[in-house]
Amino acid sequence: MKAIAYDHFGSADVLELKDLPDPHPGSDSVLVQVKSASLNPVDYKVREGYLQGVIDAVFPVVPGWDVAGVVVKAGLDTPEFAVGDEILAYARKDVISGGTLAELVEVPVRTAARKPEGLSFEDAAALPLAGLTALQTVRRAGVAAGSTVLIHAAAGGVGSYATQLAVLAGARVVGTASEGNHDYLRSLGAEPIAYGEGLVEAARALAPEGFDVILDFVGKGALDTVPQLLRAGGTAASITDPAARDEYGGQYVWVRPDAADLAELAQLAADGRLKVEVADLVELAQAADAYRTLEGGHVRGKLVVRP
């Protein structure tokens, strides 16, 4: 099969289009023909070696955890799926090796859900990691009807899903974003404010009594404003900064594969209640350039690869 792979840690320059052996499904996995896969910032952090000791790499590494495709072979004990089923998955395994930027990928059934009719493969592939991160963070932080929520990086890949999920839960959402993304945030149901100088004052003007929940999807010191903006008894949560848990008694979220959560997200998207933003569609051979674009930090929505 054709796949994007690398044999050692490094920049996007280590990525190559290779011919690799077809993978085989384990007893509780299915083999999937990849229709679409999407890129995430964690992919290049893995590629640069930053997750060694958390999830070990086995070379050659095929990057990618997000996938949508068709089951072409089932494992020995996979009653959940049959050949021909269309699925999506956050196909994270115990080691980093056989990822989704390939023509074929082995997918553990615990990470996968059926793709609803009406949801494209491209949109389905853009959902898993970012959508699950958003959903699990919103839930663990206790966002509910009547909550006033501040979301940092609300227009980003995770933040845009979290914004919508919080609004669907009945919360009032204030989101930080660059000026160019303010209309986009309004379209998602949020009240936008700008990053940087004046953020605390702008947030206080909208929520004088403070926020019930603050969600951090960017890091870079975003939690420094928690003492000024979080109301007494409120909750802070972050996917980048353990201080949310260790200093502020909130939640530090490392997303988990969850088939039921993924099925819920997929149905929301298929029903038109959750908007999926695809920034660009690229071919497998263009994946290295797509990663360079992602690493530039100014992509709104997901970059999707079609083998």
Protein backbone atom coordinates (compact mmCIF):
# COMPACT_ATOMS: atom_id res chain seq x y z
CA MET A 1 0.00 0.00 0.00
CA LYS A 2 0.97 3.63 -0.38
CA ALA A 3 1.50 5.55 2.86
CA ILE A 4 3.16 8.63 4.27
CA ALA A 5 5.82 7.50 6.72
CA TYR A 6 9.00 8.50 8.52
CA ASP A 7 11.94 6.49 9.85
CA HIS A 8 13.21 8.95 12.47
CA PHE A 9 12.03 12.01 14.36
CA GLY A 10 12.30 15.42 12.73
CA SER A 11 10.60 18.16 10.76
CA ALA A 12 8.11 17.63 7.94
CA ASP A 13 11.15 16.96 5.76
CA VAL A 14 11.33 13.40 7.18
CA LEU A 15 7.93 12.52 5.69
CA GLU A 16 8.05 10.33 2.57
CA LEU A 17 5.51 8.64 0.34
CA LYS A 18 6.40 4.94 0.68
CA ASP A 19 5.26 1.49 -0.39
CA LEU A 20 4.60 -0.47 2.80
CA PRO A 21 3.14 -3.93 3.46
CA ASP A 22 -0.61 -4.05 3.87
CA PRO A 23 -1.58 -4.19 7.57
CA HIS A 24 -3.60 -7.07 9.00
CA PRO A 25 -6.48 -6.72 11.44
CA GLY A 26 -5.98 -8.05 14.95
CA SER A 27 -8.63 -10.13 16.68
CA ASP A 28 -10.52 -7.04 17.83
CA SER A 29 -9.71 -4.78 14.88
CA VAL A 30 -10.92 -4.21 11.34
CA LEU A 31 -8.94 -3.37 8.21
CA VAL A 32 -10.21 -0.15 6.67
CA GLN A 33 -9.77 1.25 3.19
CA VAL A 34 -9.06 4.90 3.91
CA LYS A 35 -11.36 7.32 2.12
CA SER A 36 -10.25 10.36 4.10
CA ALA A 37 -7.92 11.13 7.00
CA SER A 38 -7.28 14.41 8.76
CA LEU A 39 -4.26 16.12 10.28
CA ASN A 40 -3.92 17.30 13.87
CA PRO A 41 -1.24 19.38 15.63
CA VAL A 42 -0.41 16.41 17.86
CA ASP A 43 0.80 14.55 14.76
CA TYR A 44 3.79 16.82 14.30
CA LYS A 45 4.51 16.90 18.04
CA VAL A 46 4.71 13.11 17.87
CA ARG A 47 6.91 13.33 14.76
CA GLU A 48 9.30 15.67 16.56
CA GLY A 49 9.64 13.20 19.46
CA TYR A 50 7.79 15.16 22.15
CA LEU A 51 5.51 12.26 23.14
CA GLN A 52 8.25 9.71 23.72
CA GLY A 53 7.63 8.24 27.14
CA VAL A 54 3.90 8.88 26.79
CA ILE A 55 3.25 6.85 23.64
CA ASP A 56 6.31 5.18 22.17
CA ALA A 57 7.00 5.18 18.42
CA VAL A 58 7.80 2.06 16.41
CA PHE A 59 9.47 2.96 13.11
CA PRO A 60 8.55 3.31 10.35
CA VAL A 61 5.75 5.53 11.64
CA VAL A 62 2.68 6.25 9.52
CA PRO A 63 1.18 9.36 11.16
CA GLY A 64 -2.47 10.15 11.75
CA TRP A 65 -5.24 9.03 14.10
CA ASP A 66 -8.35 10.39 12.33
CA VAL A 67 -9.93 8.28 9.61
CA ALA A 68 -13.12 7.62 7.68
CA GLY A 69 -13.39 4.68 5.33
CA VAL A 70 -14.82 1.28 4.47
CA VAL A 71 -14.21 -2.02 6.27
CA VAL A 72 -12.50 -4.46 3.87
CA LYS A 73 -11.60 -7.20 6.35
CA ALA A 74 -12.80 -8.02 9.86
CA GLY A 75 -10.81 -9.49 12.73
CA LEU A 76 -11.66 -12.77 14.47
CA ASP A 77 -13.99 -11.20 17.05
CA THR A 78 -15.51 -8.00 15.70
CA PRO A 79 -19.31 -8.37 15.83
CA GLU A 80 -19.66 -4.58 15.75
CA PHE A 81 -18.70 -4.32 12.07
CA ALA A 82 -18.81 -6.26 8.81
CA VAL A 83 -17.09 -5.94 5.45
CA GLY A 84 -18.57 -3.00 3.55
CA ASP A 85 -19.49 -0.94 6.62
CA GLU A 86 -18.63 2.75 6.43
CA ILE A 87 -16.98 3.92 9.64
CA LEU A 88 -15.04 6.75 11.24
CA ALA A 89 -12.51 6.38 14.02
CA TYR A 90 -10.06 8.02 16.38
CA ALA A 91 -7.70 5.12 15.68
CA ARG A 92 -5.18 5.70 18.46
CA LYS A 93 -3.33 2.60 19.58
CA ASP A 94 -0.92 1.76 22.40
CA VAL A 95 2.10 2.57 20.23
CA ILE A 96 2.59 4.99 17.35
CA SER A 97 3.24 3.15 14.12
CA GLY A 98 0.45 2.23 11.69
CA GLY A 99 -1.50 5.48 11.33
CA THR A 100 -4.18 6.71 8.98
CA LEU A 101 -2.23 8.55 6.26
CA ALA A 102 -2.27 5.44 4.12
CA GLU A 103 -4.44 3.51 1.72
CA LEU A 104 -5.22 0.96 4.44
CA VAL A 105 -5.22 1.10 8.24
CA GLU A 106 -5.93 -1.34 11.05
CA VAL A 107 -8.61 0.16 13.33
CA PRO A 108 -9.44 -1.19 16.83
CA VAL A 109 -13.22 -1.52 17.07
CA ARG A 110 -13.22 0.29 20.44
CA THR A 111 -12.16 3.46 18.57
CA ALA A 112 -14.71 3.33 15.75
CA ALA A 113 -18.33 4.23 15.00
CA ARG A 114 -20.58 3.80 12.00
CA LYS A 115 -20.63 6.74 9.61
CA PRO A 116 -24.20 8.03 9.31
CA GLU A 117 -25.73 8.42 5.88
CA GLY A 118 -25.52 12.01 4.74
CA LEU A 119 -22.14 12.62 6.40
CA SER A 120 -19.35 12.79 3.83
CA PHE A 121 -16.12 10.88 4.31
CA GLU A 122 -14.26 14.21 4.37
CA ASP A 123 -16.38 15.65 7.18
CA ALA A 124 -16.33 12.34 9.05
CA ALA A 125 -12.53 12.28 9.00
CA ALA A 126 -12.40 15.82 10.38
CA LEU A 127 -14.40 14.89 13.48
CA PRO A 128 -12.71 12.27 15.66
CA LEU A 129 -9.76 13.70 17.61
CA ALA A 130 -10.87 17.34 17.70
CA GLY A 131 -14.53 16.52 18.23
CA LEU A 132 -13.88 14.00 20.98
CA THR A 133 -11.48 16.39 22.71
CA ALA A 134 -14.12 19.10 22.66
CA LEU A 135 -16.96 16.86 23.82
CA GLN A 136 -15.00 15.26 26.65
CA THR A 137 -13.66 18.62 27.85
CA VAL A 138 -17.10 20.26 27.80
CA ARG A 139 -18.57 17.36 29.78
CA ARG A 140 -15.78 17.09 32.34
CA ALA A 141 -15.90 20.82 32.97
CA GLY A 142 -19.62 20.58 33.73
CA VAL A 143 -20.91 22.89 31.00
CA ALA A 144 -24.70 22.95 31.26
CA ALA A 145 -27.76 25.02 30.47
CA GLY A 146 -27.33 28.44 32.01
CA SER A 147 -23.53 28.23 32.28
CA THR A 148 -21.48 31.25 31.22
CA VAL A 149 -18.40 29.86 29.45
CA LEU A 150 -15.17 31.43 28.25
CA ILE A 151 -13.41 29.44 25.52
CA HIS A 152 -9.84 30.27 24.57
CA ALA A 153 -9.04 29.57 20.86
CA ALA A 154 -12.75 29.22 20.18
CA ALA A 155 -12.28 29.30 16.38
CA GLY A 156 -9.63 26.56 16.34
CA GLY A 157 -10.05 22.92 15.40
CA VAL A 158 -11.08 21.85 18.91
CA GLY A 159 -12.46 25.19 20.04
CA SER A 160 -14.99 25.47 17.22
CA TYR A 161 -16.49 22.11 18.19
CA ALA A 162 -16.45 23.01 21.89
CA THR A 163 -18.17 26.31 21.15
CA GLN A 164 -20.97 24.57 19.30
CA LEU A 165 -21.35 21.80 21.88
CA ALA A 166 -21.53 24.33 24.71
CA VAL A 167 -24.18 26.31 22.83
CA LEU A 168 -26.11 23.10 22.18
CA ALA A 169 -25.95 22.40 25.93
CA GLY A 170 -27.68 25.73 26.56
CA ALA A 171 -24.65 27.70 27.73
CA ARG A 172 -23.75 31.28 26.94
CA VAL A 173 -20.36 31.25 25.22
CA VAL A 174 -17.72 33.96 24.99
CA GLY A 175 -14.84 32.98 22.72
CA THR A 176 -11.38 34.41 22.16
CA ALA A 177 -10.15 34.60 18.57
CA SER A 178 -8.35 36.89 16.16
CA GLU A 179 -10.47 39.68 14.69
CA GLY A 180 -10.71 37.86 11.38
CA ASN A 181 -12.57 34.98 13.04
CA HIS A 182 -15.12 37.03 14.98
CA ASP A 183 -17.89 36.70 12.40
CA TYR A 184 -17.20 32.96 12.25
CA LEU A 185 -17.62 32.69 16.02
CA ARG A 186 -20.87 34.64 15.86
CA SER A 187 -22.10 32.12 13.27
CA LEU A 188 -21.43 29.36 15.84
CA GLY A 189 -23.44 31.18 18.50
CA ALA A 190 -20.59 32.73 20.50
CA GLU A 191 -19.76 36.28 21.53
CA PRO A 192 -16.21 36.98 20.30
CA ILE A 193 -13.43 38.93 22.02
CA ALA A 194 -9.86 39.47 20.85
CA TYR A 195 -6.70 37.90 22.19
CA GLY A 196 -3.98 39.89 23.90
CA GLU A 197 -4.05 43.22 25.64
CA GLY A 198 -7.46 44.14 26.96
CA LEU A 199 -8.78 40.58 27.05
CA VAL A 200 -9.59 40.63 30.77
CA GLU A 201 -11.43 43.93 30.48
CA ALA A 202 -13.40 42.77 27.43
CA ALA A 203 -14.34 39.50 29.13
CA ARG A 204 -15.35 41.27 32.35
CA ALA A 205 -17.52 43.67 30.39
CA LEU A 206 -19.49 40.71 29.04
CA ALA A 207 -19.54 38.72 32.29
CA PRO A 208 -19.10 41.11 35.25
CA GLU A 209 -19.66 38.33 37.81
CA GLY A 210 -17.12 36.03 36.17
CA PHE A 211 -17.39 32.78 34.23
CA ASP A 212 -18.74 29.46 35.45
CA VAL A 213 -16.35 27.59 33.16
CA ILE A 214 -13.11 28.53 31.38
CA LEU A 215 -11.87 26.18 28.66
CA ASP A 216 -8.31 26.48 27.36
CA PHE A 217 -7.52 25.01 23.94
CA VAL A 218 -4.41 27.07 23.18
CA GLY A 219 -2.04 27.13 26.18
CA LYS A 220 0.51 29.95 25.91
CA GLY A 221 -0.49 31.39 29.28
CA ALA A 222 -4.22 31.50 28.60
CA LEU A 223 -4.90 30.23 32.14
CA ASP A 224 -3.07 33.20 33.66
CA THR A 225 -6.37 35.09 33.60
CA VAL A 226 -8.26 32.43 35.60
CA PRO A 227 -7.90 34.25 38.96
CA GLN A 228 -9.42 37.38 37.41
CA LEU A 229 -12.17 35.77 35.35
CA LEU A 230 -13.33 32.52 36.99
CA ARG A 231 -16.12 33.01 39.50
CA ALA A 232 -15.93 31.37 42.92
CA GLY A 233 -16.82 27.69 42.55
CA GLY A 234 -16.23 27.73 38.81
CA THR A 235 -14.21 25.20 36.81
CA ALA A 236 -11.17 25.63 34.56
CA ALA A 237 -10.19 22.94 32.06
CA SER A 238 -7.30 22.68 29.63
CA ILE A 239 -5.96 20.26 27.04
CA THR A 240 -2.50 21.85 27.11
CA ASP A 241 -1.77 23.09 30.64
CA PRO A 242 -1.86 20.86 33.76
CA ALA A 243 -2.20 24.05 35.85
CA ALA A 244 -5.95 23.81 35.21
CA ARG A 245 -5.94 20.79 37.50
CA ASP A 246 -2.86 21.32 39.66
CA GLU A 247 -3.27 25.02 40.48
CA TYR A 248 -6.95 25.72 39.93
CA GLY A 249 -8.55 22.42 40.93
CA GLY A 250 -10.14 21.87 37.52
CA GLN A 251 -9.58 19.39 34.72
CA TYR A 252 -6.61 18.47 32.53
CA VAL A 253 -8.00 16.50 29.60
CA TRP A 254 -6.16 13.95 27.46
CA VAL A 255 -8.70 12.76 24.90
CA ARG A 256 -9.69 9.09 24.92
CA PRO A 257 -11.05 6.98 22.06
CA ASP A 258 -14.74 6.41 22.75
CA ALA A 259 -17.03 4.77 20.22
CA ALA A 260 -20.26 6.03 21.82
CA ASP A 261 -19.04 9.62 22.02
CA LEU A 262 -17.88 9.45 18.41
CA ALA A 263 -21.22 8.08 17.25
CA GLU A 264 -22.97 10.98 19.01
CA LEU A 265 -20.74 13.55 17.31
CA ALA A 266 -21.19 11.93 13.91
CA GLN A 267 -24.97 12.00 14.22
CA LEU A 268 -24.95 15.65 15.31
CA ALA A 269 -22.89 16.46 12.22
CA ALA A 270 -25.09 14.38 9.93
CA ASP A 271 -28.17 16.16 11.32
CA GLY A 272 -26.62 19.56 10.63
CA ARG A 273 -26.47 20.49 14.32
CA LEU A 274 -22.66 20.40 14.46
CA LYS A 275 -20.78 22.28 11.74
CA VAL A 276 -17.60 20.67 10.40
CA GLU A 277 -15.07 23.11 8.97
CA VAL A 278 -12.75 21.61 6.33
CA ALA A 279 -10.02 24.08 5.41
CA ASP A 280 -8.59 22.11 2.48
CA LEU A 281 -8.53 18.72 0.79
CA VAL A 282 -5.16 17.35 -0.33
CA GLU A 283 -3.82 14.18 -1.89
CA LEU A 284 -1.59 11.76 0.03
CA ALA A 285 1.56 12.92 -1.76
CA GLN A 286 0.88 16.49 -0.55
CA ALA A 287 0.71 15.56 3.13
CA ALA A 288 4.14 16.95 4.05
CA ASP A 289 3.23 20.37 2.64
CA ALA A 290 -0.12 20.19 4.43
CA TYR A 291 1.68 19.60 7.72
CA ARG A 292 3.91 22.62 7.05
CA THR A 293 0.75 24.68 6.54
CA LEU A 294 -0.74 23.33 9.78
CA GLU A 295 2.45 24.10 11.69
CA GLY A 296 2.16 27.71 10.53
CA GLY A 297 -0.69 28.05 13.01
CA HIS A 298 -3.23 29.97 10.92
CA VAL A 299 -5.51 27.20 9.67
CA ARG A 300 -9.21 27.48 10.51
CA GLY A 301 -10.81 24.09 10.29
CA LYS A 302 -9.28 20.74 9.40
CA LEU A 303 -6.87 19.71 6.66
CA VAL A 304 -8.15 16.49 5.13
CA VAL A 305 -6.10 13.97 3.12
CA ARG A 306 -7.66 11.68 0.52
CA PRO A 307 -5.52 8.67 -0.47
